[in-house]
Amino acid sequence: MNEVQEQMKKQYENLKVRCSEHEQRIQQLMSLLNEKQVIIDDLNAERR
């Protein structure tokens, strides 16, 4: 492999890592949103 290919491979690996980190972050945020929605639904149910 030449140097350009090495660099591209490294960049690609870095992007994959960052992408999966973002995926995890998105999952965390989605869970938080769902929890919030459950709490809101509970509060609304109590008000009725």
Protein backbone atom coordinates (compact mmCIF):
# COMPACT_ATOMS: atom_id res chain seq x y z
CA MET A 1 0.00 0.00 0.00
CA ASN A 2 1.30 3.45 -0.77
CA GLU A 3 1.19 6.40 1.59
CA VAL A 4 -1.95 7.96 0.14
CA GLN A 5 -3.83 4.69 0.58
CA GLU A 6 -2.55 4.44 4.16
CA GLN A 7 -3.80 7.95 4.91
CA MET A 8 -7.18 7.25 3.36
CA LYS A 9 -7.51 4.03 5.32
CA LYS A 10 -6.70 5.87 8.56
CA GLN A 11 -9.22 8.60 7.81
CA TYR A 12 -11.83 5.99 6.98
CA GLU A 13 -11.19 4.16 10.26
CA ASN A 14 -11.45 7.43 12.20
CA LEU A 15 -14.72 8.26 10.51
CA LYS A 16 -16.13 4.83 11.34
CA VAL A 17 -15.20 5.30 15.00
CA ARG A 18 -16.72 8.77 15.14
CA CYS A 19 -19.81 7.55 13.38
CA SER A 20 -20.38 4.78 15.90
CA GLU A 21 -19.78 7.21 18.77
CA HIS A 22 -22.47 9.45 17.32
CA GLU A 23 -24.77 6.47 16.92
CA GLN A 24 -24.35 5.67 20.62
CA ARG A 25 -24.98 9.29 21.57
CA ILE A 26 -28.14 9.34 19.48
CA GLN A 27 -29.34 6.15 21.16
CA GLN A 28 -28.74 7.72 24.60
CA LEU A 29 -30.67 10.83 23.62
CA MET A 30 -33.53 8.76 22.22
CA SER A 31 -33.75 6.83 25.50
CA LEU A 32 -33.81 10.07 27.47
CA LEU A 33 -36.55 11.43 25.23
CA ASN A 34 -38.60 8.28 25.70
CA GLU A 35 -38.19 8.48 29.48
CA LYS A 36 -39.29 12.11 29.43
CA GLN A 37 -42.33 11.24 27.36
CA VAL A 38 -43.28 8.50 29.82
CA ILE A 39 -43.03 10.96 32.70
CA ILE A 40 -45.10 13.53 30.82
CA ASP A 41 -47.73 10.91 30.01
CA ASP A 42 -47.84 9.90 33.69
CA LEU A 43 -48.31 13.51 34.77
CA ASN A 44 -51.08 14.04 32.24
CA ALA A 45 -52.81 10.86 33.40
CA GLU A 46 -52.71 12.09 37.02
CA ARG A 47 -54.24 15.41 36.01
CA ARG A 48 -57.24 13.77 34.40
